[in-house]
Amino acid sequence: MPTTEPKPRGRRPTLLTQVVRHRTDPATGAQVGVTAGEQIIERRGLGLDDRASADSAGVSRETLHQWRLAGARARAIEAQGRRELTPSEVALRDFVDALERAEAEWEASRLAIIQRSAQGGYVTTKTMEKWMPDPADPTARKLVERTVTTETASPIWQAAAWQLERLRRDKYARRWEVTGEGGKPLIPEADQARGLADSLREYMLGVEDGKKTTAPKGRTKEGTA
């Protein structure tokens, strides 16, 4: 019996393509609408997490999660050639593709900064200017000195160590010693057992004390009132 592919609800692409703000087109100066999907992609490209990105577009994080799942399903349907995608599925697939590209580009840009710092060798230029009042015009100033210096950055080993610790965790991640010398427990087994027995004894004494304090009032040792 053939199975029916789950299709996205109509509300999802409607929210996805809803205009949430306007921006000025630098080429034409015209006001261009930014949809919820485009807003989320932009914010993720800046490094914001899912919650903050969704909030900026006026949708919940759960809605964004459902869009991700629906877009992934649409890609799977297309890749396996099971059927033609609906317009809603096409919109969700394109959204997820663009979202993942933005996330990957942001990650690559952060790693590039770390890599650049680790390698060093890049040149920076600094310009220092000294201005003084113009004797001919008290309301104006004139430049009397300009100094331009260039510096070559030295490698920063901490940046390289950061990359190794996180990208090659099996070899370079920091490990904290939680055992004693030669791999022995920090607390000898005999001391552990003794401590456990003492704790259990104190607990049982506390239980007995509790029974005594909660005994019914008005009874004698013989159990008579």
Protein backbone atom coordinates (compact mmCIF):
# COMPACT_ATOMS: atom_id res chain seq x y z
CA MET A 1 0.00 0.00 0.00
CA PRO A 2 1.57 3.31 -1.04
CA THR A 3 2.40 5.73 1.74
CA THR A 4 1.40 9.36 1.69
CA GLU A 5 4.22 11.82 2.24
CA PRO A 6 3.54 14.29 5.06
CA LYS A 7 3.08 17.77 3.67
CA PRO A 8 3.81 21.00 5.54
CA ARG A 9 0.90 22.92 6.91
CA GLY A 10 -0.08 25.97 4.93
CA ARG A 11 0.57 28.27 7.89
CA ARG A 12 4.29 27.60 7.94
CA PRO A 13 5.22 29.09 4.56
CA THR A 14 2.80 31.95 5.22
CA LEU A 15 4.72 32.89 8.35
CA LEU A 16 7.99 32.20 6.58
CA THR A 17 7.26 34.74 3.86
CA GLN A 18 5.56 37.31 6.07
CA VAL A 19 7.27 40.73 5.96
CA VAL A 20 8.55 41.66 9.42
CA ARG A 21 10.51 44.84 8.63
CA HIS A 22 11.79 47.02 5.79
CA ARG A 23 15.29 48.01 4.80
CA THR A 24 16.69 50.51 2.35
CA ASP A 25 18.11 49.09 -0.86
CA PRO A 26 21.60 50.68 -1.20
CA ALA A 27 21.41 50.52 -5.00
CA THR A 28 18.00 52.14 -5.51
CA GLY A 29 17.20 53.71 -2.16
CA ALA A 30 13.81 52.01 -2.19
CA GLN A 31 12.26 50.33 0.84
CA VAL A 32 12.41 46.54 0.53
CA GLY A 33 10.45 44.14 2.70
CA VAL A 34 12.36 41.57 4.77
CA THR A 35 10.49 38.35 5.43
CA ALA A 36 10.62 36.31 8.64
CA GLY A 37 12.76 33.71 6.89
CA GLU A 38 15.20 36.29 5.59
CA GLN A 39 15.39 37.93 9.02
CA ILE A 40 16.28 34.62 10.68
CA ILE A 41 18.91 33.83 8.04
CA GLU A 42 20.45 37.27 8.52
CA ARG A 43 20.59 36.95 12.30
CA ARG A 44 22.04 33.45 12.19
CA GLY A 45 24.65 34.80 9.79
CA LEU A 46 25.63 37.26 12.53
CA GLY A 47 26.07 34.46 15.06
CA LEU A 48 22.82 34.75 17.03
CA ASP A 49 21.37 31.50 18.34
CA ASP A 50 18.05 30.00 17.22
CA ARG A 51 16.00 31.62 20.01
CA ALA A 52 17.30 35.13 19.44
CA SER A 53 17.03 34.77 15.66
CA ALA A 54 13.45 33.52 15.87
CA ASP A 55 12.50 36.24 18.35
CA SER A 56 13.82 38.91 16.00
CA ALA A 57 11.42 37.63 13.33
CA GLY A 58 8.45 37.39 15.66
CA VAL A 59 8.23 33.59 15.64
CA SER A 60 8.91 30.97 18.28
CA ARG A 61 11.95 28.76 18.46
CA GLU A 62 9.63 25.76 18.06
CA THR A 63 8.37 27.20 14.77
CA LEU A 64 11.93 27.59 13.53
CA HIS A 65 12.62 23.99 14.59
CA GLN A 66 9.60 22.79 12.62
CA TRP A 67 10.77 24.76 9.57
CA ARG A 68 14.15 23.04 9.78
CA LEU A 69 12.53 19.61 9.96
CA ALA A 70 10.10 20.34 7.13
CA GLY A 71 12.90 21.69 4.92
CA ALA A 72 15.02 18.61 5.60
CA ARG A 73 12.10 16.33 4.71
CA ALA A 74 11.55 18.24 1.48
CA ARG A 75 15.22 17.78 0.54
CA ALA A 76 14.98 14.06 1.25
CA ILE A 77 11.86 13.72 -0.90
CA GLU A 78 13.55 15.59 -3.74
CA ALA A 79 16.82 13.65 -3.45
CA GLN A 80 15.01 10.30 -3.53
CA GLY A 81 12.80 11.35 -6.42
CA ARG A 82 9.61 10.22 -4.71
CA ARG A 83 7.45 13.02 -6.06
CA GLU A 84 7.47 16.65 -7.06
CA LEU A 85 7.69 19.15 -4.22
CA THR A 86 4.80 21.45 -3.45
CA PRO A 87 5.38 25.22 -3.49
CA SER A 88 5.37 25.23 0.30
CA GLU A 89 8.00 22.50 0.42
CA VAL A 90 10.14 24.35 -2.12
CA ALA A 91 10.01 27.49 0.06
CA LEU A 92 11.00 25.53 3.18
CA ARG A 93 13.78 23.68 1.34
CA ASP A 94 15.23 26.92 0.03
CA PHE A 95 14.97 28.48 3.49
CA VAL A 96 16.89 25.63 5.14
CA ASP A 97 19.53 25.67 2.39
CA ALA A 98 20.10 29.40 2.86
CA LEU A 99 20.04 29.09 6.65
CA GLU A 100 22.70 26.38 6.70
CA ARG A 101 24.88 28.38 4.30
CA ALA A 102 24.67 31.41 6.58
CA GLU A 103 25.59 29.31 9.62
CA ALA A 104 28.53 27.69 7.82
CA GLU A 105 29.82 31.05 6.57
CA TRP A 106 29.64 32.56 10.05
CA GLU A 107 31.55 29.61 11.51
CA ALA A 108 34.17 29.83 8.76
CA SER A 109 34.62 33.56 9.35
CA ARG A 110 35.22 33.01 13.09
CA LEU A 111 37.74 30.27 12.40
CA ALA A 112 39.47 32.48 9.82
CA ILE A 113 39.99 35.18 12.46
CA ILE A 114 41.48 32.65 14.87
CA GLN A 115 43.66 31.19 12.14
CA ARG A 116 44.87 34.65 11.14
CA SER A 117 45.81 35.43 14.73
CA ALA A 118 47.55 32.07 15.12
CA GLN A 119 49.68 32.60 12.01
CA GLY A 120 50.49 36.27 12.52
CA GLY A 121 52.51 38.05 9.86
CA TYR A 122 49.79 40.45 8.78
CA VAL A 123 50.62 44.16 8.71
CA THR A 124 48.62 46.88 10.40
CA THR A 125 49.03 50.60 9.78
CA LYS A 126 48.44 53.28 12.39
CA THR A 127 48.23 57.00 11.69
CA MET A 128 48.76 59.58 14.44
CA GLU A 129 47.91 63.22 13.74
CA LYS A 130 48.63 66.33 15.78
CA TRP A 131 46.45 69.39 15.33
CA MET A 132 46.88 72.91 16.72
CA PRO A 133 44.82 76.11 16.54
CA ASP A 134 45.50 78.15 13.41
CA PRO A 135 47.03 81.51 14.41
CA ALA A 136 45.44 83.10 11.37
CA ASP A 137 41.99 81.81 12.27
CA PRO A 138 41.27 81.06 15.97
CA THR A 139 38.15 79.08 15.01
CA ALA A 140 40.13 76.68 12.82
CA ARG A 141 42.83 74.09 13.37
CA LYS A 142 45.75 73.07 11.22
CA LEU A 143 47.64 69.81 10.94
CA VAL A 144 51.18 70.15 12.22
CA GLU A 145 52.31 66.52 12.36
CA ARG A 146 51.30 63.15 10.93
CA THR A 147 53.04 59.92 11.88
CA VAL A 148 52.38 56.66 10.08
CA THR A 149 53.64 53.42 11.60
CA THR A 150 53.34 49.86 10.42
CA GLU A 151 53.45 46.78 12.62
CA THR A 152 53.74 43.11 11.77
CA ALA A 153 51.62 40.94 14.03
CA SER A 154 53.36 38.12 15.86
CA PRO A 155 51.79 34.65 15.94
CA ILE A 156 49.49 34.07 18.91
CA TRP A 157 50.01 30.52 20.09
CA GLN A 158 46.86 30.58 22.24
CA ALA A 159 44.73 30.89 19.11
CA ALA A 160 46.40 27.83 17.59
CA ALA A 161 45.98 25.92 20.85
CA TRP A 162 42.29 26.83 20.95
CA GLN A 163 41.78 25.31 17.49
CA LEU A 164 43.62 22.13 18.35
CA GLU A 165 41.78 21.66 21.64
CA ARG A 166 38.38 21.97 20.01
CA LEU A 167 38.87 20.48 16.59
CA ARG A 168 41.18 17.62 17.67
CA ARG A 169 39.71 16.91 21.07
CA ASP A 170 40.86 13.28 21.11
CA LYS A 171 44.50 14.36 21.00
CA TYR A 172 44.72 17.88 22.38
CA ALA A 173 41.73 18.52 24.66
CA ARG A 174 42.58 19.27 28.26
CA ARG A 175 42.04 16.41 30.67
CA TRP A 176 41.73 16.81 34.41
CA GLU A 177 43.33 14.25 36.71
CA VAL A 178 40.67 12.61 38.89
CA THR A 179 42.75 9.68 40.17
CA GLY A 180 45.72 9.35 42.43
CA GLU A 181 49.25 8.32 41.62
CA GLY A 182 49.47 5.40 39.21
CA GLY A 183 45.77 5.55 38.45
CA LYS A 184 44.76 4.67 42.00
CA PRO A 185 41.61 6.24 43.50
CA LEU A 186 42.13 9.53 45.29
CA ILE A 187 40.37 8.00 48.30
CA PRO A 188 41.51 4.43 49.15
CA GLU A 189 38.80 1.80 48.86
CA ALA A 190 39.06 0.94 52.56
CA ASP A 191 38.44 4.58 53.49
CA GLN A 192 35.53 4.74 51.05
CA ALA A 193 33.94 1.66 52.62
CA ARG A 194 34.51 2.98 56.13
CA GLY A 195 32.98 6.32 55.24
CA LEU A 196 29.97 4.63 53.68
CA ALA A 197 29.44 2.48 56.80
CA ASP A 198 29.68 5.54 59.06
CA SER A 199 27.15 7.41 56.93
CA LEU A 200 24.75 4.47 57.02
CA ARG A 201 25.13 4.15 60.80
CA GLU A 202 24.40 7.86 61.29
CA TYR A 203 21.37 7.57 59.04
CA MET A 204 19.95 4.62 61.00
CA LEU A 205 20.52 6.42 64.31
CA GLY A 206 18.63 9.39 62.91
CA VAL A 207 15.74 7.14 61.92
CA GLU A 208 15.57 5.66 65.42
CA ASP A 209 15.68 9.12 67.00
CA GLY A 210 12.84 10.16 64.75
CA LYS A 211 10.71 7.23 65.86
CA LYS A 212 11.23 8.14 69.51
CA THR A 213 10.27 11.79 69.04
CA THR A 214 7.08 10.88 67.15
CA ALA A 215 5.79 8.23 69.63
CA PRO A 216 2.12 8.78 70.70
CA LYS A 217 1.75 10.85 73.86
CA GLY A 218 0.04 9.57 77.00
CA ARG A 219 1.37 5.98 76.85
CA THR A 220 3.56 4.33 79.51
CA LYS A 221 6.23 1.75 78.93
CA GLU A 222 3.57 -0.93 79.53
CA GLY A 223 1.43 0.62 76.79
CA THR A 224 -1.36 1.78 79.14
CA ALA A 225 -2.81 5.26 79.21
